[in-house]
Amino acid sequence: MRLRPKSRTTSEPKSTETSEPKSNLPKDPDAFVTTFIESIQGHRLTAALEMVSDDCEYDNVPITKVFGRSAIEQTLGGFLAECSAYEWLIHHQVSSGDLEHGVVMNERTDRFEIDGRWVDLDVAGLFVISNGKIALWRDYFDREIFTKALAAK
């Protein structure tokens, strides 16, 4: 098990979407999930979705659960399209296993700029990797706090 120090990566809304060659993908679960998150932040959702299995379960625990790349793209892409910018700050990250069967857990602050103001969301994420792909992505957060923050003027 390894601890990952706090990292900070900010998305810029004008990045272009490109896919990363599979040969450049990290070979350990910790770096694999970090690359996945960095791809999303870099507005490379297509590249990120190449890192998930065809039937990946994406579970925003207090809101909804969807299955498969297309559903993840609709759910996540639809929300991120409403944001002027976003960043996901990884405070701690631990991993075990390998890319055949690995688990990564992280503690993050996901930040979203919506209507000119930033909304922060404390998140605990779980990623299960199987056969070189993310098979399960589960994020835990407080829906009520997030809803109130979105509604605040």
Protein backbone atom coordinates (compact mmCIF):
# COMPACT_ATOMS: atom_id res chain seq x y z
CA MET A 1 0.00 0.00 0.00
CA ARG A 2 1.37 3.42 -0.96
CA LEU A 3 0.32 6.89 0.10
CA ARG A 4 0.20 9.50 -2.61
CA PRO A 5 0.98 13.09 -1.63
CA LYS A 6 -1.46 15.88 -2.35
CA SER A 7 -1.47 16.84 -6.01
CA ARG A 8 -3.09 19.74 -7.78
CA THR A 9 -4.12 19.73 -11.40
CA THR A 10 -6.43 22.36 -12.80
CA SER A 11 -8.48 21.93 -15.93
CA GLU A 12 -8.61 24.60 -18.54
CA PRO A 13 -11.80 24.71 -20.58
CA LYS A 14 -10.13 25.11 -23.99
CA SER A 15 -8.12 21.87 -24.15
CA THR A 16 -8.61 19.63 -27.15
CA GLU A 17 -9.81 16.06 -26.85
CA THR A 18 -7.20 13.50 -27.84
CA SER A 19 -6.73 9.87 -27.03
CA GLU A 20 -3.58 8.68 -25.29
CA PRO A 21 -1.80 5.74 -26.89
CA LYS A 22 -2.29 2.61 -24.81
CA SER A 23 1.47 1.98 -24.75
CA ASN A 24 1.90 5.18 -22.73
CA LEU A 25 -0.48 4.08 -19.98
CA PRO A 26 1.02 3.43 -16.54
CA LYS A 27 1.63 -0.14 -15.45
CA ASP A 28 0.59 0.18 -11.79
CA PRO A 29 -2.90 0.88 -10.37
CA ASP A 30 -1.96 4.09 -8.53
CA ALA A 31 -0.50 5.81 -11.58
CA PHE A 32 -3.25 4.34 -13.80
CA VAL A 33 -6.02 6.02 -11.77
CA THR A 34 -4.04 9.25 -11.53
CA THR A 35 -3.70 9.26 -15.33
CA PHE A 36 -7.44 8.56 -15.64
CA ILE A 37 -8.28 11.57 -13.45
CA GLU A 38 -5.74 13.77 -15.24
CA SER A 39 -7.29 12.80 -18.59
CA ILE A 40 -10.73 13.89 -17.40
CA GLN A 41 -9.33 17.15 -16.02
CA GLY A 42 -7.49 17.77 -19.28
CA HIS A 43 -10.77 17.55 -21.20
CA ARG A 44 -9.75 14.21 -22.70
CA LEU A 45 -12.85 12.29 -21.70
CA THR A 46 -12.52 9.96 -24.69
CA ALA A 47 -9.01 8.99 -23.57
CA ALA A 48 -10.25 8.46 -20.01
CA LEU A 49 -13.11 6.27 -21.19
CA GLU A 50 -10.64 4.05 -23.06
CA MET A 51 -9.30 3.18 -19.60
CA VAL A 52 -12.63 1.74 -18.39
CA SER A 53 -14.11 -1.65 -19.24
CA ASP A 54 -17.01 -1.90 -21.68
CA ASP A 55 -19.38 -2.68 -18.79
CA CYS A 56 -17.75 -0.46 -16.14
CA GLU A 57 -19.98 0.43 -13.20
CA TYR A 58 -19.83 4.17 -12.40
CA ASP A 59 -21.56 4.79 -9.08
CA ASN A 60 -22.10 8.27 -7.69
CA VAL A 61 -23.33 6.71 -4.48
CA PRO A 62 -25.84 9.34 -3.34
CA ILE A 63 -27.16 10.07 -6.85
CA THR A 64 -27.07 7.37 -9.50
CA LYS A 65 -25.34 4.29 -10.85
CA VAL A 66 -24.71 3.74 -14.57
CA PHE A 67 -23.03 1.00 -16.58
CA GLY A 68 -20.81 1.20 -19.65
CA ARG A 69 -18.75 3.82 -21.43
CA SER A 70 -21.66 5.49 -23.19
CA ALA A 71 -23.63 5.95 -19.98
CA ILE A 72 -20.55 7.25 -18.16
CA GLU A 73 -19.88 9.68 -20.99
CA GLN A 74 -23.47 10.97 -20.88
CA THR A 75 -23.55 11.28 -17.10
CA LEU A 76 -20.11 12.75 -16.49
CA GLY A 77 -19.77 14.61 -19.78
CA GLY A 78 -23.17 16.23 -19.35
CA PHE A 79 -22.30 17.55 -15.91
CA LEU A 80 -18.80 18.71 -16.83
CA ALA A 81 -20.18 20.57 -19.85
CA GLU A 82 -22.05 22.81 -17.39
CA CYS A 83 -18.76 23.81 -15.71
CA SER A 84 -16.53 26.68 -16.82
CA ALA A 85 -13.58 24.86 -15.24
CA TYR A 86 -12.94 22.04 -12.81
CA GLU A 87 -10.14 20.46 -10.86
CA TRP A 88 -9.86 17.31 -8.79
CA LEU A 89 -7.35 17.57 -5.97
CA ILE A 90 -6.06 14.22 -4.74
CA HIS A 91 -5.13 14.54 -1.06
CA HIS A 92 -4.39 10.87 -0.33
CA GLN A 93 -4.32 7.81 -2.53
CA VAL A 94 -3.59 4.17 -1.71
CA SER A 95 -3.43 1.19 -4.01
CA SER A 96 -2.89 -2.54 -3.98
CA GLY A 97 -2.52 -5.23 -6.60
CA ASP A 98 -1.69 -4.73 -10.23
CA LEU A 99 -3.54 -3.96 -13.47
CA GLU A 100 -4.91 -7.50 -13.66
CA HIS A 101 -6.65 -7.05 -10.31
CA GLY A 102 -6.02 -3.87 -8.39
CA VAL A 103 -7.81 -1.51 -6.06
CA VAL A 104 -7.22 2.22 -5.67
CA MET A 105 -8.85 4.43 -3.06
CA ASN A 106 -8.45 8.18 -2.88
CA GLU A 107 -9.60 11.16 -0.90
CA ARG A 108 -10.21 14.16 -3.14
CA THR A 109 -11.71 17.58 -3.31
CA ASP A 110 -13.51 17.91 -6.63
CA ARG A 111 -13.95 21.58 -7.52
CA PHE A 112 -16.33 22.88 -10.17
CA GLU A 113 -16.72 26.43 -11.45
CA ILE A 114 -20.39 26.97 -12.21
CA ASP A 115 -21.96 30.34 -12.99
CA GLY A 116 -18.79 32.18 -12.02
CA ARG A 117 -18.25 30.59 -8.61
CA TRP A 118 -16.41 27.55 -7.35
CA VAL A 119 -18.19 24.67 -5.62
CA ASP A 120 -16.03 22.25 -3.62
CA LEU A 121 -17.04 18.65 -3.05
CA ASP A 122 -15.23 16.30 -0.67
CA VAL A 123 -15.08 12.87 -2.30
CA ALA A 124 -13.87 9.40 -1.36
CA GLY A 125 -13.24 7.40 -4.52
CA LEU A 126 -12.90 3.67 -5.08
CA PHE A 127 -11.55 2.19 -8.31
CA VAL A 128 -11.36 -1.54 -9.04
CA ILE A 129 -9.11 -2.47 -11.93
CA SER A 130 -9.52 -5.76 -13.73
CA ASN A 131 -7.70 -6.96 -16.85
CA GLY A 132 -6.07 -3.57 -17.40
CA LYS A 133 -9.29 -1.52 -17.24
CA ILE A 134 -11.30 0.25 -14.55
CA ALA A 135 -14.24 -2.09 -13.92
CA LEU A 136 -15.77 -0.18 -11.00
CA TRP A 137 -15.61 3.53 -10.18
CA ARG A 138 -17.48 4.53 -7.06
CA ASP A 139 -17.49 8.06 -5.57
CA TYR A 140 -18.89 8.77 -2.12
CA PHE A 141 -19.90 12.32 -1.19
CA ASP A 142 -22.56 14.23 0.72
CA ARG A 143 -25.36 14.99 -1.73
CA GLU A 144 -27.08 17.50 0.56
CA ILE A 145 -23.94 19.60 0.97
CA PHE A 146 -23.36 19.54 -2.80
CA THR A 147 -26.98 20.45 -3.60
CA LYS A 148 -26.92 23.36 -1.13
CA ALA A 149 -23.63 24.61 -2.55
CA LEU A 150 -25.04 24.51 -6.09
CA ALA A 151 -28.18 26.38 -5.01
CA ALA A 152 -26.32 29.13 -3.10
CA LYS A 153 -26.20 32.47 -4.87
